[in-house]
Every structure is written in structure tokens, then in C-alpha cells.
């Protein structure tokens, strides 16, 4: 359902697109929190956490992310970097909306 919501939002946003790559960047920014939310609801702790090697202090800490949550942080950051860099590269050029 979350992916369907992202699809609908991006389809509606398509007419407002200002530069090439904007929809990809927005998809990454929207997908990452969805993936992180789903990962927190899975409840399969046997897969482990990234920072468990630190010791007992990391167990149960908010910053001790699962692998998928850490990947979500990277995907979100990549989406922000893409959006900012592609937006700056496009500058003041306006792209006509495709029908």
C-alpha cells in the first residue's frame, strides 16, 4: 500500500516536475522512510543490528539500526543529494510538463 501511495503521489507530481531526475530523487526520499517503517514493524530481531559489536550499551539503543534501516538512511541521503544537485544544475531552466 505504501508503494502504491508513492506511485500515486509521484504521478500527480509529474505535471509539476521542474528538472530531469526530480521524480527519481523524490522516490528515494519517499521510499526510505517507508522501508524503515516496515523494517521496524517486522520484529525479526534474529537478523541482528549493525552496531551490536559495540557491546551491551548498543542493545536496545535507538541508534543501533538494523541493516535495512541503515540502508534506508543512505537511500534518503542519496535522494536529498540528488534533488539538491540536480535542482541546482537545472538552475532557472523550466522544463515543460509532459502530458
PDB file of N, CA and C in Angstrom:
ATOM      1  N   UNK A   1       0.829  -1.196   0.000  1.00  0.00           N
ATOM      2  CA  UNK A   1       0.000   0.000   0.000  1.00  0.00           C
ATOM      3  C   UNK A   1       0.872   1.258   0.000  1.00  0.00           C
ATOM      4  N   UNK A   2       1.982   1.181   0.698  1.00  0.00           N
ATOM      5  CA  UNK A   2       2.878   2.332   0.747  1.00  0.00           C
ATOM      6  C   UNK A   2       3.459   2.660  -0.613  1.00  0.00           C
ATOM      7  N   UNK A   3       3.891   1.629  -1.336  1.00  0.00           N
ATOM      8  CA  UNK A   3       4.433   1.838  -2.685  1.00  0.00           C
ATOM      9  C   UNK A   3       3.362   2.392  -3.626  1.00  0.00           C
ATOM     10  N   UNK A   4       2.142   1.930  -3.466  1.00  0.00           N
ATOM     11  CA  UNK A   4       1.045   2.456  -4.278  1.00  0.00           C
ATOM     12  C   UNK A   4       0.834   3.938  -3.981  1.00  0.00           C
ATOM     13  N   UNK A   5       0.911   4.301  -2.707  1.00  0.00           N
ATOM     14  CA  UNK A   5       0.788   5.715  -2.332  1.00  0.00           C
ATOM     15  C   UNK A   5       1.893   6.566  -2.938  1.00  0.00           C
ATOM     16  N   UNK A   6       3.127   6.039  -2.927  1.00  0.00           N
ATOM     17  CA  UNK A   6       4.246   6.759  -3.534  1.00  0.00           C
ATOM     18  C   UNK A   6       4.013   6.907  -5.038  1.00  0.00           C
ATOM     19  N   UNK A   7       3.539   5.836  -5.673  1.00  0.00           N
ATOM     20  CA  UNK A   7       3.265   5.877  -7.113  1.00  0.00           C
ATOM     21  C   UNK A   7       2.236   6.962  -7.433  1.00  0.00           C
ATOM     22  N   UNK A   8       1.155   7.007  -6.682  1.00  0.00           N
ATOM     23  CA  UNK A   8       0.109   7.998  -6.925  1.00  0.00           C
ATOM     24  C   UNK A   8       0.666   9.411  -6.713  1.00  0.00           C
ATOM     25  N   UNK A   9       1.414   9.599  -5.638  1.00  0.00           N
ATOM     26  CA  UNK A   9       1.969  10.925  -5.350  1.00  0.00           C
ATOM     27  C   UNK A   9       2.906  11.376  -6.461  1.00  0.00           C
ATOM     28  N   UNK A  10       3.771  10.487  -6.936  1.00  0.00           N
ATOM     29  CA  UNK A  10       4.715  10.860  -7.992  1.00  0.00           C
ATOM     30  C   UNK A  10       4.008  11.071  -9.334  1.00  0.00           C
ATOM     31  N   UNK A  11       2.957  10.311  -9.567  1.00  0.00           N
ATOM     32  CA  UNK A  11       2.188  10.501 -10.795  1.00  0.00           C
ATOM     33  C   UNK A  11       1.531  11.880 -10.795  1.00  0.00           C
ATOM     34  N   UNK A  12       1.012  12.288  -9.664  1.00  0.00           N
ATOM     35  CA  UNK A  12       0.409  13.615  -9.558  1.00  0.00           C
ATOM     36  C   UNK A  12       1.464  14.709  -9.634  1.00  0.00           C
ATOM     37  N   UNK A  13       2.638  14.454  -9.081  1.00  0.00           N
ATOM     38  CA  UNK A  13       3.717  15.446  -9.061  1.00  0.00           C
ATOM     39  C   UNK A  13       4.341  15.624 -10.447  1.00  0.00           C
ATOM     40  N   UNK A  14       4.210  14.613 -11.303  1.00  0.00           N
ATOM     41  CA  UNK A  14       4.851  14.614 -12.619  1.00  0.00           C
ATOM     42  C   UNK A  14       4.540  15.870 -13.413  1.00  0.00           C
ATOM     43  N   UNK A  15       3.349  16.396 -13.307  1.00  0.00           N
ATOM     44  CA  UNK A  15       2.990  17.597 -14.066  1.00  0.00           C
ATOM     45  C   UNK A  15       3.681  18.845 -13.519  1.00  0.00           C
ATOM     46  N   UNK A  16       4.194  18.781 -12.289  1.00  0.00           N
ATOM     47  CA  UNK A  16       4.869  19.925 -11.673  1.00  0.00           C
ATOM     48  C   UNK A  16       6.387  19.792 -11.730  1.00  0.00           C
ATOM     49  N   UNK A  17       6.865  18.751 -12.359  1.00  0.00           N
ATOM     50  CA  UNK A  17       8.293  18.455 -12.413  1.00  0.00           C
ATOM     51  C   UNK A  17       9.065  19.635 -12.983  1.00  0.00           C
ATOM     52  N   UNK A  18      10.179  19.996 -12.316  1.00  0.00           N
ATOM     53  CA  UNK A  18      10.964  21.150 -12.744  1.00  0.00           C
ATOM     54  C   UNK A  18      12.272  20.781 -13.420  1.00  0.00           C
ATOM     55  N   UNK A  19      12.772  19.564 -13.201  1.00  0.00           N
ATOM     56  CA  UNK A  19      14.044  19.175 -13.813  1.00  0.00           C
ATOM     57  C   UNK A  19      14.093  17.664 -13.962  1.00  0.00           C
ATOM     58  N   UNK A  20      14.943  17.212 -14.887  1.00  0.00           N
ATOM     59  CA  UNK A  20      15.127  15.774 -15.104  1.00  0.00           C
ATOM     60  C   UNK A  20      15.740  15.161 -13.845  1.00  0.00           C
ATOM     61  N   UNK A  21      15.193  14.056 -13.411  1.00  0.00           N
ATOM     62  CA  UNK A  21      15.696  13.367 -12.229  1.00  0.00           C
ATOM     63  C   UNK A  21      14.953  13.709 -10.958  1.00  0.00           C
ATOM     64  N   UNK A  22      14.058  14.663 -11.016  1.00  0.00           N
ATOM     65  CA  UNK A  22      13.325  15.074  -9.821  1.00  0.00           C
ATOM     66  C   UNK A  22      12.458  13.943  -9.282  1.00  0.00           C
ATOM     67  N   UNK A  23      11.793  13.225 -10.172  1.00  0.00           N
ATOM     68  CA  UNK A  23      10.919  12.144  -9.713  1.00  0.00           C
ATOM     69  C   UNK A  23      11.724  11.015  -9.074  1.00  0.00           C
ATOM     70  N   UNK A  24      12.890  10.708  -9.614  1.00  0.00           N
ATOM     71  CA  UNK A  24      13.742   9.691  -9.008  1.00  0.00           C
ATOM     72  C   UNK A  24      14.185  10.116  -7.617  1.00  0.00           C
ATOM     73  N   UNK A  25      14.623  11.355  -7.494  1.00  0.00           N
ATOM     74  CA  UNK A  25      15.058  11.861  -6.191  1.00  0.00           C
ATOM     75  C   UNK A  25      13.910  11.833  -5.180  1.00  0.00           C
ATOM     76  N   UNK A  26      12.724  12.249  -5.603  1.00  0.00           N
ATOM     77  CA  UNK A  26      11.565  12.224  -4.715  1.00  0.00           C
ATOM     78  C   UNK A  26      11.179  10.798  -4.340  1.00  0.00           C
ATOM     79  N   UNK A  27      11.299   9.869  -5.294  1.00  0.00           N
ATOM     80  CA  UNK A  27      11.010   8.467  -4.983  1.00  0.00           C
ATOM     81  C   UNK A  27      11.946   7.955  -3.890  1.00  0.00           C
ATOM     82  N   UNK A  28      13.229   8.255  -4.007  1.00  0.00           N
ATOM     83  CA  UNK A  28      14.182   7.802  -2.999  1.00  0.00           C
ATOM     84  C   UNK A  28      13.867   8.405  -1.631  1.00  0.00           C
ATOM     85  N   UNK A  29      13.518   9.685  -1.611  1.00  0.00           N
ATOM     86  CA  UNK A  29      13.204  10.367  -0.349  1.00  0.00           C
ATOM     87  C   UNK A  29      11.928   9.804   0.277  1.00  0.00           C
ATOM     88  N   UNK A  30      10.961   9.429  -0.538  1.00  0.00           N
ATOM     89  CA  UNK A  30       9.708   8.879  -0.016  1.00  0.00           C
ATOM     90  C   UNK A  30       9.823   7.392   0.335  1.00  0.00           C
ATOM     91  N   UNK A  31      10.616   6.661  -0.424  1.00  0.00           N
ATOM     92  CA  UNK A  31      10.750   5.220  -0.214  1.00  0.00           C
ATOM     93  C   UNK A  31      11.521   4.892   1.063  1.00  0.00           C
ATOM     94  N   UNK A  32      12.545   5.653   1.365  1.00  0.00           N
ATOM     95  CA  UNK A  32      13.400   5.350   2.512  1.00  0.00           C
ATOM     96  C   UNK A  32      12.634   5.309   3.847  1.00  0.00           C
ATOM     97  N   UNK A  33      11.810   6.305   4.172  1.00  0.00           N
ATOM     98  CA  UNK A  33      11.058   6.212   5.425  1.00  0.00           C
ATOM     99  C   UNK A  33      10.056   5.057   5.426  1.00  0.00           C
ATOM    100  N   UNK A  34       9.470   4.778   4.264  1.00  0.00           N
ATOM    101  CA  UNK A  34       8.541   3.652   4.173  1.00  0.00           C
ATOM    102  C   UNK A  34       9.269   2.348   4.485  1.00  0.00           C
ATOM    103  N   UNK A  35      10.429   2.168   3.900  1.00  0.00           N
ATOM    104  CA  UNK A  35      11.225   0.956   4.142  1.00  0.00           C
ATOM    105  C   UNK A  35      11.630   0.855   5.608  1.00  0.00           C
ATOM    106  N   UNK A  36      12.052   1.968   6.203  1.00  0.00           N
ATOM    107  CA  UNK A  36      12.448   1.966   7.612  1.00  0.00           C
ATOM    108  C   UNK A  36      11.258   1.637   8.512  1.00  0.00           C
ATOM    109  N   UNK A  37      10.090   2.187   8.194  1.00  0.00           N
ATOM    110  CA  UNK A  37       8.891   1.906   8.986  1.00  0.00           C
ATOM    111  C   UNK A  37       8.528   0.426   8.913  1.00  0.00           C
ATOM    112  N   UNK A  38       8.549  -0.121   7.730  1.00  0.00           N
ATOM    113  CA  UNK A  38       8.228  -1.539   7.569  1.00  0.00           C
ATOM    114  C   UNK A  38       9.243  -2.402   8.310  1.00  0.00           C
ATOM    115  N   UNK A  39      10.501  -2.006   8.262  1.00  0.00           N
ATOM    116  CA  UNK A  39      11.550  -2.765   8.945  1.00  0.00           C
ATOM    117  C   UNK A  39      11.332  -2.769  10.460  1.00  0.00           C
ATOM    118  N   UNK A  40      10.882  -1.651  11.024  1.00  0.00           N
ATOM    119  CA  UNK A  40      10.652  -1.615  12.467  1.00  0.00           C
ATOM    120  C   UNK A  40       9.450  -2.469  12.865  1.00  0.00           C
ATOM    121  N   UNK A  41       8.499  -2.649  11.957  1.00  0.00           N
ATOM    122  CA  UNK A  41       7.315  -3.440  12.277  1.00  0.00           C
ATOM    123  C   UNK A  41       7.525  -4.937  12.050  1.00  0.00           C
ATOM    124  N   UNK A  42       8.606  -5.318  11.379  1.00  0.00           N
ATOM    125  CA  UNK A  42       8.838  -6.733  11.075  1.00  0.00           C
ATOM    126  C   UNK A  42       9.065  -7.559  12.331  1.00  0.00           C
ATOM    127  N   UNK A  43       9.860  -7.048  13.248  1.00  0.00           N
ATOM    128  CA  UNK A  43      10.080  -7.754  14.503  1.00  0.00           C
ATOM    129  C   UNK A  43      10.963  -8.981  14.406  1.00  0.00           C
ATOM    130  N   UNK A  44      11.817  -9.057  13.411  1.00  0.00           N
ATOM    131  CA  UNK A  44      12.701 -10.216  13.293  1.00  0.00           C
ATOM    132  C   UNK A  44      14.110  -9.847  13.773  1.00  0.00           C
ATOM    133  N   UNK A  45      14.240  -9.753  15.075  1.00  0.00           N
ATOM    134  CA  UNK A  45      15.499  -9.348  15.685  1.00  0.00           C
ATOM    135  C   UNK A  45      16.626 -10.357  15.469  1.00  0.00           C
ATOM    136  N   UNK A  46      16.300 -11.562  15.072  1.00  0.00           N
ATOM    137  CA  UNK A  46      17.353 -12.564  14.865  1.00  0.00           C
ATOM    138  C   UNK A  46      18.282 -12.169  13.716  1.00  0.00           C
ATOM    139  N   UNK A  47      17.847 -11.261  12.853  1.00  0.00           N
ATOM    140  CA  UNK A  47      18.713 -10.788  11.770  1.00  0.00           C
ATOM    141  C   UNK A  47      19.809  -9.890  12.289  1.00  0.00           C
ATOM    142  N   UNK A  48      19.639  -9.346  13.476  1.00  0.00           N
ATOM    143  CA  UNK A  48      20.696  -8.569  14.105  1.00  0.00           C
ATOM    144  C   UNK A  48      20.649  -7.084  13.818  1.00  0.00           C
ATOM    145  N   UNK A  49      21.545  -6.409  14.486  1.00  0.00           N
ATOM    146  CA  UNK A  49      21.687  -4.968  14.371  1.00  0.00           C
ATOM    147  C   UNK A  49      23.109  -4.636  13.955  1.00  0.00           C
ATOM    148  N   UNK A  50      23.299  -3.480  13.357  1.00  0.00           N
ATOM    149  CA  UNK A  50      24.591  -3.108  12.798  1.00  0.00           C
ATOM    150  C   UNK A  50      25.640  -2.869  13.885  1.00  0.00           C
ATOM    151  N   UNK A  51      25.267  -2.200  14.958  1.00  0.00           N
ATOM    152  CA  UNK A  51      26.250  -1.782  15.953  1.00  0.00           C
ATOM    153  C   UNK A  51      26.286  -2.668  17.198  1.00  0.00           C
ATOM    154  N   UNK A  52      25.830  -3.907  17.094  1.00  0.00           N
ATOM    155  CA  UNK A  52      25.886  -4.819  18.236  1.00  0.00           C
ATOM    156  C   UNK A  52      27.316  -5.102  18.679  1.00  0.00           C
ATOM    157  N   UNK A  53      28.289  -4.915  17.795  1.00  0.00           N
ATOM    158  CA  UNK A  53      29.677  -5.172  18.147  1.00  0.00           C
ATOM    159  C   UNK A  53      30.185  -4.220  19.227  1.00  0.00           C
ATOM    160  N   UNK A  54      29.485  -3.104  19.437  1.00  0.00           N
ATOM    161  CA  UNK A  54      29.893  -2.137  20.455  1.00  0.00           C
ATOM    162  C   UNK A  54      29.746  -2.732  21.850  1.00  0.00           C
ATOM    163  N   UNK A  55      28.799  -3.614  22.011  1.00  0.00           N
ATOM    164  CA  UNK A  55      28.602  -4.269  23.301  1.00  0.00           C
ATOM    165  C   UNK A  55      27.215  -4.045  23.849  1.00  0.00           C
ATOM    166  N   UNK A  56      27.053  -4.306  25.133  1.00  0.00           N
ATOM    167  CA  UNK A  56      25.722  -4.223  25.740  1.00  0.00           C
ATOM    168  C   UNK A  56      25.089  -2.834  25.678  1.00  0.00           C
ATOM    169  N   UNK A  57      25.897  -1.799  25.607  1.00  0.00           N
ATOM    170  CA  UNK A  57      25.345  -0.447  25.552  1.00  0.00           C
ATOM    171  C   UNK A  57      24.521  -0.221  24.270  1.00  0.00           C
ATOM    172  N   UNK A  58      24.849  -0.935  23.203  1.00  0.00           N
ATOM    173  CA  UNK A  58      24.152  -0.759  21.921  1.00  0.00           C
ATOM    174  C   UNK A  58      22.831  -1.506  21.868  1.00  0.00           C
ATOM    175  N   UNK A  59      22.676  -2.532  22.650  1.00  0.00           N
ATOM    176  CA  UNK A  59      21.454  -3.330  22.593  1.00  0.00           C
ATOM    177  C   UNK A  59      20.266  -2.499  23.083  1.00  0.00           C
ATOM    178  N   UNK A  60      19.298  -2.341  22.225  1.00  0.00           N
ATOM    179  CA  UNK A  60      18.103  -1.572  22.575  1.00  0.00           C
ATOM    180  C   UNK A  60      18.244  -0.075  22.379  1.00  0.00           C
ATOM    181  N   UNK A  61      19.423   0.405  21.975  1.00  0.00           N
ATOM    182  CA  UNK A  61      19.613   1.836  21.759  1.00  0.00           C
ATOM    183  C   UNK A  61      18.927   2.265  20.459  1.00  0.00           C
ATOM    184  N   UNK A  62      18.431   3.488  20.439  1.00  0.00           N
ATOM    185  CA  UNK A  62      17.718   3.981  19.253  1.00  0.00           C
ATOM    186  C   UNK A  62      18.638   4.074  18.045  1.00  0.00           C
ATOM    187  N   UNK A  63      19.926   4.279  18.256  1.00  0.00           N
ATOM    188  CA  UNK A  63      20.867   4.443  17.155  1.00  0.00           C
ATOM    189  C   UNK A  63      21.416   3.119  16.638  1.00  0.00           C
ATOM    190  N   UNK A  64      21.066   2.027  17.265  1.00  0.00           N
ATOM    191  CA  UNK A  64      21.520   0.711  16.814  1.00  0.00           C
ATOM    192  C   UNK A  64      20.545   0.203  15.752  1.00  0.00           C
ATOM    193  N   UNK A  65      20.814   0.550  14.523  1.00  0.00           N
ATOM    194  CA  UNK A  65      19.907   0.270  13.412  1.00  0.00           C
ATOM    195  C   UNK A  65      20.120  -1.130  12.853  1.00  0.00           C
ATOM    196  N   UNK A  66      19.052  -1.662  12.263  1.00  0.00           N
ATOM    197  CA  UNK A  66      19.204  -2.902  11.504  1.00  0.00           C
ATOM    198  C   UNK A  66      19.863  -2.550  10.172  1.00  0.00           C
ATOM    199  N   UNK A  67      20.302  -3.562   9.461  1.00  0.00           N
ATOM    200  CA  UNK A  67      20.942  -3.326   8.171  1.00  0.00           C
ATOM    201  C   UNK A  67      19.998  -2.589   7.225  1.00  0.00           C
ATOM    202  N   UNK A  68      18.750  -3.003   7.171  1.00  0.00           N
ATOM    203  CA  UNK A  68      17.782  -2.360   6.273  1.00  0.00           C
ATOM    204  C   UNK A  68      17.506  -0.919   6.673  1.00  0.00           C
ATOM    205  N   UNK A  69      17.483  -0.638   7.969  1.00  0.00           N
ATOM    206  CA  UNK A  69      17.280   0.739   8.411  1.00  0.00           C
ATOM    207  C   UNK A  69      18.476   1.610   8.047  1.00  0.00           C
ATOM    208  N   UNK A  70      19.677   1.056   8.166  1.00  0.00           N
ATOM    209  CA  UNK A  70      20.869   1.805   7.788  1.00  0.00           C
ATOM    210  C   UNK A  70      20.885   2.070   6.281  1.00  0.00           C
ATOM    211  N   UNK A  71      20.474   1.099   5.496  1.00  0.00           N
ATOM    212  CA  UNK A  71      20.368   1.290   4.047  1.00  0.00           C
ATOM    213  C   UNK A  71      19.327   2.369   3.742  1.00  0.00           C
ATOM    214  N   UNK A  72      18.245   2.408   4.503  1.00  0.00           N
ATOM    215  CA  UNK A  72      17.217   3.434   4.307  1.00  0.00           C
ATOM    216  C   UNK A  72      17.775   4.834   4.559  1.00  0.00           C
ATOM    217  N   UNK A  73      18.615   4.967   5.556  1.00  0.00           N
ATOM    218  CA  UNK A  73      19.246   6.268   5.828  1.00  0.00           C
ATOM    219  C   UNK A  73      20.101   6.681   4.632  1.00  0.00           C
ATOM    220  N   UNK A  74      20.858   5.726   4.089  1.00  0.00           N
ATOM    221  CA  UNK A  74      21.703   6.021   2.924  1.00  0.00           C
ATOM    222  C   UNK A  74      20.857   6.379   1.698  1.00  0.00           C
ATOM    223  N   UNK A  75      19.760   5.670   1.487  1.00  0.00           N
ATOM    224  CA  UNK A  75      18.873   5.955   0.348  1.00  0.00           C
ATOM    225  C   UNK A  75      18.262   7.346   0.490  1.00  0.00           C
ATOM    226  N   UNK A  76      17.835   7.696   1.690  1.00  0.00           N
ATOM    227  CA  UNK A  76      17.254   9.017   1.941  1.00  0.00           C
ATOM    228  C   UNK A  76      18.289  10.108   1.658  1.00  0.00           C
ATOM    229  N   UNK A  77      19.505   9.907   2.169  1.00  0.00           N
ATOM    230  CA  UNK A  77      20.567  10.892   1.943  1.00  0.00           C
ATOM    231  C   UNK A  77      20.883  11.032   0.458  1.00  0.00           C
ATOM    232  N   UNK A  78      20.930   9.918  -0.264  1.00  0.00           N
ATOM    233  CA  UNK A  78      21.172   9.953  -1.700  1.00  0.00           C
ATOM    234  C   UNK A  78      20.069  10.724  -2.414  1.00  0.00           C
ATOM    235  N   UNK A  79      18.818  10.516  -2.010  1.00  0.00           N
ATOM    236  CA  UNK A  79      17.698  11.242  -2.612  1.00  0.00           C
ATOM    237  C   UNK A  79      17.803  12.739  -2.396  1.00  0.00           C
ATOM    238  N   UNK A  80      18.189  13.149  -1.194  1.00  0.00           N
ATOM    239  CA  UNK A  80      18.355  14.583  -0.901  1.00  0.00           C
ATOM    240  C   UNK A  80      19.489  15.169  -1.730  1.00  0.00           C
ATOM    241  N   UNK A  81      20.623  14.449  -1.780  1.00  0.00           N
ATOM    242  CA  UNK A  81      21.768  14.932  -2.558  1.00  0.00           C
ATOM    243  C   UNK A  81      21.394  15.052  -4.037  1.00  0.00           C
ATOM    244  N   UNK A  82      20.708  14.059  -4.575  1.00  0.00           N
ATOM    245  CA  UNK A  82      20.272  14.120  -5.978  1.00  0.00           C
ATOM    246  C   UNK A  82      19.340  15.302  -6.223  1.00  0.00           C
ATOM    247  N   UNK A  83      18.369  15.468  -5.333  1.00  0.00           N
ATOM    248  CA  UNK A  83      17.397  16.540  -5.515  1.00  0.00           C
ATOM    249  C   UNK A  83      18.082  17.907  -5.514  1.00  0.00           C
ATOM    250  N   UNK A  84      18.977  18.110  -4.565  1.00  0.00           N
ATOM    251  CA  UNK A  84      19.654  19.406  -4.464  1.00  0.00           C
ATOM    252  C   UNK A  84      20.601  19.619  -5.642  1.00  0.00           C
ATOM    253  N   UNK A  85      21.411  18.611  -5.955  1.00  0.00           N
ATOM    254  CA  UNK A  85      22.404  18.800  -7.018  1.00  0.00           C
ATOM    255  C   UNK A  85      21.748  18.918  -8.396  1.00  0.00           C
ATOM    256  N   UNK A  86      20.760  18.090  -8.683  1.00  0.00           N
ATOM    257  CA  UNK A  86      20.080  18.191  -9.976  1.00  0.00           C
ATOM    258  C   UNK A  86      19.263  19.476 -10.080  1.00  0.00           C
ATOM    259  N   UNK A  87      18.676  19.886  -8.966  1.00  0.00           N
ATOM    260  CA  UNK A  87      17.924  21.142  -8.955  1.00  0.00           C
ATOM    261  C   UNK A  87      18.818  22.340  -9.205  1.00  0.00           C
ATOM    262  N   UNK A  88      20.011  22.326  -8.616  1.00  0.00           N
ATOM    263  CA  UNK A  88      20.955  23.418  -8.854  1.00  0.00           C
ATOM    264  C   UNK A  88      21.471  23.401 -10.285  1.00  0.00           C
ATOM    265  N   UNK A  89      21.731  22.199 -10.791  1.00  0.00           N
ATOM    266  CA  UNK A  89      22.234  22.091 -12.162  1.00  0.00           C
ATOM    267  C   UNK A  89      21.199  22.611 -13.148  1.00  0.00           C
ATOM    268  N   UNK A  90      19.924  22.351 -12.874  1.00  0.00           N
ATOM    269  CA  UNK A  90      18.860  22.820 -13.759  1.00  0.00           C
ATOM    270  C   UNK A  90      18.736  24.326 -13.698  1.00  0.00           C
ATOM    271  N   UNK A  91      19.111  24.900 -12.539  1.00  0.00           N
ATOM    272  CA  UNK A  91      19.087  26.350 -12.386  1.00  0.00           C
ATOM    273  C   UNK A  91      17.722  26.938 -12.621  1.00  0.00           C
ATOM    274  N   UNK A  92      17.666  27.962 -13.428  1.00  0.00           N
ATOM    275  CA  UNK A  92      16.415  28.641 -13.708  1.00  0.00           C
ATOM    276  C   UNK A  92      15.677  28.064 -14.896  1.00  0.00           C
ATOM    277  N   UNK A  93      16.271  27.040 -15.523  1.00  0.00           N
ATOM    278  CA  UNK A  93      15.593  26.465 -16.693  1.00  0.00           C
ATOM    279  C   UNK A  93      14.318  25.768 -16.280  1.00  0.00           C
ATOM    280  N   UNK A  94      13.276  26.124 -16.873  1.00  0.00           N
ATOM    281  CA  UNK A  94      11.988  25.466 -16.597  1.00  0.00           C
ATOM    282  C   UNK A  94      11.751  24.398 -17.657  1.00  0.00           C
ATOM    283  N   UNK A  95      11.374  23.239 -17.209  1.00  0.00           N
ATOM    284  CA  UNK A  95      11.098  22.144 -18.138  1.00  0.00           C
ATOM    285  C   UNK A  95       9.599  22.062 -18.360  1.00  0.00           C
ATOM    286  N   UNK A  96       9.164  22.040 -19.614  1.00  0.00           N
ATOM    287  CA  UNK A  96       7.720  21.929 -19.841  1.00  0.00           C
ATOM    288  C   UNK A  96       7.212  20.572 -19.369  1.00  0.00           C
ATOM    289  N   UNK A  97       6.055  20.604 -18.768  1.00  0.00           N
ATOM    290  CA  UNK A  97       5.462  19.368 -18.259  1.00  0.00           C
ATOM    291  C   UNK A  97       4.982  18.504 -19.422  1.00  0.00           C
ATOM    292  N   UNK A  98       5.278  17.215 -19.316  1.00  0.00           N
ATOM    293  CA  UNK A  98       4.829  16.273 -20.341  1.00  0.00           C
ATOM    294  C   UNK A  98       3.410  15.815 -20.001  1.00  0.00           C
ATOM    295  N   UNK A  99       2.588  15.732 -20.986  1.00  0.00           N
ATOM    296  CA  UNK A  99       1.207  15.328 -20.738  1.00  0.00           C
ATOM    297  C   UNK A  99       1.065  13.836 -20.747  1.00  0.00           C
TER     298      UNK A  99
END
